[in-house]
C-alpha atoms as a PDB file:
ATOM      1  CA  UNK A   1      71.107  21.265 -31.310  1.00  0.00           C
ATOM      2  CA  UNK A   2      67.871  23.224 -31.326  1.00  0.00           C
ATOM      3  CA  UNK A   3      66.808  21.278 -34.400  1.00  0.00           C
ATOM      4  CA  UNK A   4      67.425  18.063 -32.505  1.00  0.00           C
ATOM      5  CA  UNK A   5      65.334  19.235 -29.529  1.00  0.00           C
ATOM      6  CA  UNK A   6      62.525  20.339 -31.832  1.00  0.00           C
ATOM      7  CA  UNK A   7      62.530  16.950 -33.528  1.00  0.00           C
ATOM      8  CA  UNK A   8      62.383  15.168 -30.156  1.00  0.00           C
ATOM      9  CA  UNK A   9      59.535  17.430 -28.957  1.00  0.00           C
ATOM     10  CA  UNK A  10      57.633  16.897 -32.180  1.00  0.00           C
ATOM     11  CA  UNK A  11      58.060  13.140 -31.859  1.00  0.00           C
ATOM     12  CA  UNK A  12      56.801  13.251 -28.275  1.00  0.00           C
ATOM     13  CA  UNK A  13      53.678  15.191 -29.277  1.00  0.00           C
ATOM     14  CA  UNK A  14      53.091  12.836 -32.163  1.00  0.00           C
ATOM     15  CA  UNK A  15      53.408   9.819 -29.873  1.00  0.00           C
ATOM     16  CA  UNK A  16      50.916  11.297 -27.364  1.00  0.00           C
ATOM     17  CA  UNK A  17      48.338  12.037 -30.028  1.00  0.00           C
ATOM     18  CA  UNK A  18      48.912   8.658 -31.562  1.00  0.00           C
ATOM     19  CA  UNK A  19      48.146   6.923 -28.264  1.00  0.00           C
ATOM     20  CA  UNK A  20      44.981   8.960 -27.772  1.00  0.00           C
ATOM     21  CA  UNK A  21      43.694   8.315 -31.263  1.00  0.00           C
ATOM     22  CA  UNK A  22      44.869   4.754 -31.656  1.00  0.00           C
ATOM     23  CA  UNK A  23      41.304   3.419 -31.709  1.00  0.00           C
ATOM     24  CA  UNK A  24      40.227   5.832 -34.389  1.00  0.00           C
ATOM     25  CA  UNK A  25      43.378   5.407 -36.415  1.00  0.00           C
ATOM     26  CA  UNK A  26      43.028   1.607 -36.435  1.00  0.00           C
ATOM     27  CA  UNK A  27      39.464   1.836 -37.703  1.00  0.00           C
ATOM     28  CA  UNK A  28      40.464   3.790 -40.791  1.00  0.00           C
ATOM     29  CA  UNK A  29      41.466   2.019 -43.963  1.00  0.00           C
ATOM     30  CA  UNK A  30      44.384   4.423 -44.503  1.00  0.00           C
ATOM     31  CA  UNK A  31      45.651   5.695 -41.112  1.00  0.00           C
ATOM     32  CA  UNK A  32      47.079   9.183 -40.941  1.00  0.00           C
ATOM     33  CA  UNK A  33      50.819   9.380 -40.466  1.00  0.00           C
ATOM     34  CA  UNK A  34      51.214  11.636 -37.441  1.00  0.00           C
ATOM     35  CA  UNK A  35      54.864  12.209 -38.072  1.00  0.00           C
ATOM     36  CA  UNK A  36      54.104  13.674 -41.484  1.00  0.00           C
ATOM     37  CA  UNK A  37      51.744  16.355 -40.133  1.00  0.00           C
ATOM     38  CA  UNK A  38      52.882  19.949 -39.845  1.00  0.00           C
ATOM     39  CA  UNK A  39      52.909  21.862 -36.585  1.00  0.00           C
ATOM     40  CA  UNK A  40      49.726  23.695 -37.604  1.00  0.00           C
ATOM     41  CA  UNK A  41      48.013  20.413 -38.479  1.00  0.00           C
ATOM     42  CA  UNK A  42      49.077  18.932 -35.191  1.00  0.00           C
ATOM     43  CA  UNK A  43      47.745  21.968 -33.351  1.00  0.00           C
ATOM     44  CA  UNK A  44      44.423  21.656 -35.165  1.00  0.00           C
ATOM     45  CA  UNK A  45      44.293  17.940 -34.395  1.00  0.00           C
ATOM     46  CA  UNK A  46      44.986  18.551 -30.709  1.00  0.00           C
ATOM     47  CA  UNK A  47      42.264  21.192 -30.545  1.00  0.00           C
ATOM     48  CA  UNK A  48      39.816  18.840 -32.268  1.00  0.00           C
ATOM     49  CA  UNK A  49      40.712  16.041 -29.889  1.00  0.00           C
ATOM     50  CA  UNK A  50      40.313  18.351 -26.858  1.00  0.00           C
ATOM     51  CA  UNK A  51      36.863  19.447 -28.063  1.00  0.00           C
ATOM     52  CA  UNK A  52      35.885  15.838 -28.609  1.00  0.00           C
ATOM     53  CA  UNK A  53      37.062  14.900 -25.133  1.00  0.00           C
ATOM     54  CA  UNK A  54      34.991  17.718 -23.638  1.00  0.00           C
ATOM     55  CA  UNK A  55      31.944  16.464 -25.562  1.00  0.00           C
ATOM     56  CA  UNK A  56      32.561  12.930 -24.323  1.00  0.00           C
ATOM     57  CA  UNK A  57      32.937  14.097 -20.726  1.00  0.00           C
ATOM     58  CA  UNK A  58      29.738  16.092 -21.053  1.00  0.00           C
ATOM     59  CA  UNK A  59      27.984  13.054 -22.538  1.00  0.00           C
ATOM     60  CA  UNK A  60      29.210  10.840 -19.702  1.00  0.00           C
ATOM     61  CA  UNK A  61      27.960  13.399 -17.172  1.00  0.00           C
ATOM     62  CA  UNK A  62      24.534  13.453 -18.848  1.00  0.00           C
ATOM     63  CA  UNK A  63      24.350   9.665 -18.850  1.00  0.00           C
ATOM     64  CA  UNK A  64      25.344   9.527 -15.177  1.00  0.00           C
ATOM     65  CA  UNK A  65      22.641  12.074 -14.325  1.00  0.00           C
ATOM     66  CA  UNK A  66      20.043  10.059 -16.246  1.00  0.00           C
ATOM     67  CA  UNK A  67      21.166   6.911 -14.475  1.00  0.00           C
ATOM     68  CA  UNK A  68      20.823   8.667 -11.119  1.00  0.00           C
ATOM     69  CA  UNK A  69      17.308   9.828 -12.061  1.00  0.00           C
ATOM     70  CA  UNK A  70      16.373   6.306 -13.197  1.00  0.00           C
ATOM     71  CA  UNK A  71      17.619   4.807  -9.947  1.00  0.00           C
ATOM     72  CA  UNK A  72      15.737   7.429  -7.927  1.00  0.00           C
ATOM     73  CA  UNK A  73      12.574   6.824  -9.936  1.00  0.00           C
ATOM     74  CA  UNK A  74      12.973   3.079  -9.461  1.00  0.00           C
ATOM     75  CA  UNK A  75      13.366   3.490  -5.706  1.00  0.00           C
ATOM     76  CA  UNK A  76      10.330   5.782  -5.536  1.00  0.00           C
ATOM     77  CA  UNK A  77       8.333   3.421  -7.724  1.00  0.00           C
ATOM     78  CA  UNK A  78       9.284   0.462  -5.549  1.00  0.00           C
ATOM     79  CA  UNK A  79       8.306   2.422  -2.450  1.00  0.00           C
ATOM     80  CA  UNK A  80       4.929   3.375  -3.965  1.00  0.00           C
ATOM     81  CA  UNK A  81       4.388  -0.226  -5.043  1.00  0.00           C
ATOM     82  CA  UNK A  82       5.080  -1.491  -1.523  1.00  0.00           C
ATOM     83  CA  UNK A  83       2.664   1.083  -0.083  1.00  0.00           C
ATOM     84  CA  UNK A  84       0.001  -0.072  -2.550  1.00  0.00           C
ATOM     85  CA  UNK A  85       0.604  -3.701  -1.613  1.00  0.00           C
ATOM     86  CA  UNK A  86       0.317  -2.872   2.089  1.00  0.00           C
ATOM     87  CA  UNK A  87      -2.928  -0.984   1.461  1.00  0.00           C
ATOM     88  CA  UNK A  88      -4.248  -3.969  -0.466  1.00  0.00           C
ATOM     89  CA  UNK A  89      -3.346  -6.334   2.380  1.00  0.00           C
ATOM     90  CA  UNK A  90      -5.172  -4.099   4.867  1.00  0.00           C
ATOM     91  CA  UNK A  91      -8.260  -3.886   2.671  1.00  0.00           C
ATOM     92  CA  UNK A  92      -8.286  -7.654   2.179  1.00  0.00           C
ATOM     93  CA  UNK A  93      -7.946  -8.221   5.930  1.00  0.00           C
ATOM     94  CA  UNK A  94     -10.639  -5.690   6.806  1.00  0.00           C
ATOM     95  CA  UNK A  95     -13.110  -7.055   4.246  1.00  0.00           C
ATOM     96  CA  UNK A  96     -12.610 -10.626   5.453  1.00  0.00           C
ATOM     97  CA  UNK A  97     -10.739 -12.066   2.477  1.00  0.00           C
ATOM     98  CA  UNK A  98      -7.667 -12.957   4.541  1.00  0.00           C
ATOM     99  CA  UNK A  99      -7.196 -14.347   8.039  1.00  0.00           C
ATOM    100  CA  UNK A 100      -6.085 -11.943  10.769  1.00  0.00           C
ATOM    101  CA  UNK A 101      -4.659 -12.199  14.262  1.00  0.00           C
ATOM    102  CA  UNK A 102      -4.407  -9.732  17.114  1.00  0.00           C
ATOM    103  CA  UNK A 103      -5.526  -8.897  20.616  1.00  0.00           C
ATOM    104  CA  UNK A 104      -9.217  -8.838  21.313  1.00  0.00           C
ATOM    105  CA  UNK A 105     -12.134 -10.527  23.006  1.00  0.00           C
ATOM    106  CA  UNK A 106     -13.565 -14.054  23.199  1.00  0.00           C
ATOM    107  CA  UNK A 107     -17.259 -14.576  23.996  1.00  0.00           C
ATOM    108  CA  UNK A 108     -18.423 -18.052  25.007  1.00  0.00           C
ATOM    109  CA  UNK A 109     -22.163 -18.293  24.554  1.00  0.00           C
ATOM    110  CA  UNK A 110     -24.307 -21.131  25.850  1.00  0.00           C
ATOM    111  CA  UNK A 111     -28.075 -20.966  25.736  1.00  0.00           C
ATOM    112  CA  UNK A 112     -31.154 -20.141  23.732  1.00  0.00           C
ATOM    113  CA  UNK A 113     -30.193 -17.052  21.752  1.00  0.00           C
ATOM    114  CA  UNK A 114     -32.390 -16.259  18.784  1.00  0.00           C
ATOM    115  CA  UNK A 115     -31.163 -14.653  15.554  1.00  0.00           C
ATOM    116  CA  UNK A 116     -32.021 -11.145  16.759  1.00  0.00           C
ATOM    117  CA  UNK A 117     -29.924 -11.594  19.909  1.00  0.00           C
ATOM    118  CA  UNK A 118     -26.931 -12.887  17.936  1.00  0.00           C
ATOM    119  CA  UNK A 119     -27.176 -10.002  15.463  1.00  0.00           C
ATOM    120  CA  UNK A 120     -27.384  -7.547  18.358  1.00  0.00           C
ATOM    121  CA  UNK A 121     -24.198  -9.016  19.837  1.00  0.00           C
ATOM    122  CA  UNK A 122     -22.365  -8.769  16.513  1.00  0.00           C
ATOM    123  CA  UNK A 123     -23.548  -5.210  15.922  1.00  0.00           C
ATOM    124  CA  UNK A 124     -22.469  -4.175  19.420  1.00  0.00           C
ATOM    125  CA  UNK A 125     -18.975  -5.541  18.723  1.00  0.00           C
ATOM    126  CA  UNK A 126     -18.854  -3.680  15.400  1.00  0.00           C
ATOM    127  CA  UNK A 127     -19.967  -0.438  17.037  1.00  0.00           C
ATOM    128  CA  UNK A 128     -17.352  -0.905  19.773  1.00  0.00           C
ATOM    129  CA  UNK A 129     -14.589  -0.974  17.172  1.00  0.00           C
ATOM    130  CA  UNK A 130     -14.044  -4.666  16.434  1.00  0.00           C
ATOM    131  CA  UNK A 131     -11.864  -4.926  13.322  1.00  0.00           C
ATOM    132  CA  UNK A 132     -12.629  -8.587  12.628  1.00  0.00           C
ATOM    133  CA  UNK A 133     -15.252 -10.979  14.004  1.00  0.00           C
ATOM    134  CA  UNK A 134     -15.923 -14.710  13.705  1.00  0.00           C
ATOM    135  CA  UNK A 135     -18.671 -16.952  15.045  1.00  0.00           C
ATOM    136  CA  UNK A 136     -16.978 -20.316  15.518  1.00  0.00           C
ATOM    137  CA  UNK A 137     -15.220 -20.698  12.134  1.00  0.00           C
ATOM    138  CA  UNK A 138     -17.509 -18.349  10.208  1.00  0.00           C
ATOM    139  CA  UNK A 139     -15.916 -14.986   9.372  1.00  0.00           C
ATOM    140  CA  UNK A 140     -18.395 -12.163   9.745  1.00  0.00           C
ATOM    141  CA  UNK A 141     -18.377  -9.791   6.771  1.00  0.00           C
ATOM    142  CA  UNK A 142     -20.546  -6.853   5.748  1.00  0.00           C
ATOM    143  CA  UNK A 143     -22.955  -9.345   4.152  1.00  0.00           C
ATOM    144  CA  UNK A 144     -23.167 -11.712   7.116  1.00  0.00           C
ATOM    145  CA  UNK A 145     -26.387 -11.960   9.070  1.00  0.00           C
ATOM    146  CA  UNK A 146     -27.692 -14.539  11.521  1.00  0.00           C
ATOM    147  CA  UNK A 147     -31.020 -16.052  10.467  1.00  0.00           C
ATOM    148  CA  UNK A 148     -33.264 -18.889  11.509  1.00  0.00           C
ATOM    149  CA  UNK A 149     -32.651 -21.881   9.255  1.00  0.00           C
ATOM    150  CA  UNK A 150     -34.206 -25.353   9.362  1.00  0.00           C
ATOM    151  CA  UNK A 151     -34.681 -25.439  13.117  1.00  0.00           C
ATOM    152  CA  UNK A 152     -31.284 -23.924  13.903  1.00  0.00           C
ATOM    153  CA  UNK A 153     -29.534 -20.609  13.523  1.00  0.00           C
ATOM    154  CA  UNK A 154     -27.421 -20.066  10.403  1.00  0.00           C
ATOM    155  CA  UNK A 155     -24.777 -17.559   9.358  1.00  0.00           C
ATOM    156  CA  UNK A 156     -23.710 -17.568   5.711  1.00  0.00           C
ATOM    157  CA  UNK A 157     -25.258 -21.005   5.296  1.00  0.00           C
ATOM    158  CA  UNK A 158     -23.411 -22.526   8.281  1.00  0.00           C
ATOM    159  CA  UNK A 159     -25.391 -23.857  11.239  1.00  0.00           C
ATOM    160  CA  UNK A 160     -24.729 -22.322  14.639  1.00  0.00           C
ATOM    161  CA  UNK A 161     -25.210 -24.653  17.587  1.00  0.00           C
ATOM    162  CA  UNK A 162     -26.707 -23.758  20.954  1.00  0.00           C
ATOM    163  CA  UNK A 163     -23.194 -23.389  22.329  1.00  0.00           C
ATOM    164  CA  UNK A 164     -20.824 -21.268  20.228  1.00  0.00           C
ATOM    165  CA  UNK A 165     -17.914 -18.863  20.456  1.00  0.00           C
ATOM    166  CA  UNK A 166     -17.614 -15.325  19.139  1.00  0.00           C
ATOM    167  CA  UNK A 167     -14.101 -14.001  18.631  1.00  0.00           C
ATOM    168  CA  UNK A 168     -13.334 -10.362  17.921  1.00  0.00           C
ATOM    169  CA  UNK A 169     -10.050  -8.581  17.152  1.00  0.00           C
ATOM    170  CA  UNK A 170      -9.832  -5.056  18.514  1.00  0.00           C
ATOM    171  CA  UNK A 171      -9.025  -3.074  21.635  1.00  0.00           C
ATOM    172  CA  UNK A 172      -9.800  -5.556  24.452  1.00  0.00           C
ATOM    173  CA  UNK A 173     -10.667  -2.888  27.019  1.00  0.00           C
ATOM    174  CA  UNK A 174     -12.914  -0.975  24.656  1.00  0.00           C
ATOM    175  CA  UNK A 175     -14.764  -4.090  23.507  1.00  0.00           C
ATOM    176  CA  UNK A 176     -15.273  -5.450  27.028  1.00  0.00           C
ATOM    177  CA  UNK A 177     -16.438  -2.089  28.381  1.00  0.00           C
ATOM    178  CA  UNK A 178     -18.982  -1.712  25.584  1.00  0.00           C
ATOM    179  CA  UNK A 179     -20.462  -5.159  26.189  1.00  0.00           C
ATOM    180  CA  UNK A 180     -20.536  -5.068  30.005  1.00  0.00           C
ATOM    181  CA  UNK A 181     -21.567  -1.467  30.587  1.00  0.00           C
ATOM    182  CA  UNK A 182     -24.750  -0.958  32.647  1.00  0.00           C
ATOM    183  CA  UNK A 183     -27.699  -1.299  30.307  1.00  0.00           C
ATOM    184  CA  UNK A 184     -25.432  -2.762  27.627  1.00  0.00           C
ATOM    185  CA  UNK A 185     -26.158  -5.694  25.353  1.00  0.00           C
ATOM    186  CA  UNK A 186     -25.178  -8.421  27.853  1.00  0.00           C
ATOM    187  CA  UNK A 187     -27.323  -6.883  30.584  1.00  0.00           C
ATOM    188  CA  UNK A 188     -30.252  -6.628  28.178  1.00  0.00           C
ATOM    189  CA  UNK A 189     -29.946 -10.208  26.944  1.00  0.00           C
ATOM    190  CA  UNK A 190     -29.926 -11.578  30.491  1.00  0.00           C
ATOM    191  CA  UNK A 191     -33.421 -10.128  30.908  1.00  0.00           C
ATOM    192  CA  UNK A 192     -34.901 -11.828  27.854  1.00  0.00           C
ATOM    193  CA  UNK A 193     -32.994 -15.016  27.021  1.00  0.00           C
ATOM    194  CA  UNK A 194     -31.937 -18.082  28.926  1.00  0.00           C
ATOM    195  CA  UNK A 195     -28.227 -18.061  28.172  1.00  0.00           C
ATOM    196  CA  UNK A 196     -24.813 -17.366  29.672  1.00  0.00           C
ATOM    197  CA  UNK A 197     -22.302 -15.085  27.946  1.00  0.00           C
ATOM    198  CA  UNK A 198     -18.748 -15.134  29.298  1.00  0.00           C
ATOM    199  CA  UNK A 199     -16.404 -12.484  27.917  1.00  0.00           C
ATOM    200  CA  UNK A 200     -12.626 -12.915  28.189  1.00  0.00           C
ATOM    201  CA  UNK A 201      -9.871 -10.613  26.988  1.00  0.00           C
ATOM    202  CA  UNK A 202      -7.066 -12.233  24.988  1.00  0.00           C
ATOM    203  CA  UNK A 203      -3.719 -11.077  23.636  1.00  0.00           C
ATOM    204  CA  UNK A 204      -3.912 -13.369  20.624  1.00  0.00           C
ATOM    205  CA  UNK A 205      -7.181 -13.915  18.797  1.00  0.00           C
ATOM    206  CA  UNK A 206      -7.114 -15.529  15.353  1.00  0.00           C
ATOM    207  CA  UNK A 207      -9.923 -14.912  12.875  1.00  0.00           C
ATOM    208  CA  UNK A 208     -10.221 -17.067   9.718  1.00  0.00           C
ATOM    209  CA  UNK A 209     -10.844 -15.759   6.219  1.00  0.00           C
ATOM    210  CA  UNK A 210     -14.348 -15.868   4.851  1.00  0.00           C
ATOM    211  CA  UNK A 211     -15.408 -18.700   2.556  1.00  0.00           C
ATOM    212  CA  UNK A 212     -17.934 -16.465   0.827  1.00  0.00           C
ATOM    213  CA  UNK A 213     -17.483 -14.893  -2.601  1.00  0.00           C
ATOM    214  CA  UNK A 214     -17.274 -11.168  -1.955  1.00  0.00           C
ATOM    215  CA  UNK A 215     -17.088 -10.179  -5.618  1.00  0.00           C
ATOM    216  CA  UNK A 216     -19.841  -7.609  -6.382  1.00  0.00           C
ATOM    217  CA  UNK A 217     -22.445  -8.874  -8.818  1.00  0.00           C
ATOM    218  CA  UNK A 218     -23.933  -5.514  -9.822  1.00  0.00           C
ATOM    219  CA  UNK A 219     -21.869  -2.673  -8.418  1.00  0.00           C
ATOM    220  CA  UNK A 220     -18.929  -1.353 -10.446  1.00  0.00           C
ATOM    221  CA  UNK A 221     -16.164   1.013  -9.442  1.00  0.00           C
ATOM    222  CA  UNK A 222     -16.612   4.611 -10.651  1.00  0.00           C
ATOM    223  CA  UNK A 223     -13.797   5.543 -13.021  1.00  0.00           C
END
């Protein structure tokens, strides 16, 4: 009876090991006959299989940890890339390479302003914190300057008529206060030029992109 039970137990163990190693056994040209192994051989085989399973579990854990690190690095890299893109968009908008929109101030000028008066107006807006400025459809950049052309005023090669509009994006209250303060630029111009300057705050002021090539010709970035 005991012999019968031992045979059944041995067959059960052999079947279990056979199921676990079926992939390996099929890949061999001459598969090992589990039923022909001794108890000691079976014990050795089980121990070897257990060690291999532990190695596989450890390998899976390592791969999962690497995958987690890769995903984290990808998320961080994507976040850094988006920050860089946002910084680039801000730089492009500030330099004048892209159109911008925001609250600000609209100046309607009508009269005989010379180039010095126009430049003084633009500089006053810059000093008051204007983030973007346009004279009619001409975007004002760091290179822009009003000059006397062939009988008319010009900015970046575009003629400015006697009646024109200056638009500025920035804090409306700060811009208006700077222009209309006692002794400010508007008060000064009224003493010397025959022109009217009406300033109006606006919640939506659109400034076009510059048509000028802003690529430096001489300057190079320091590495």
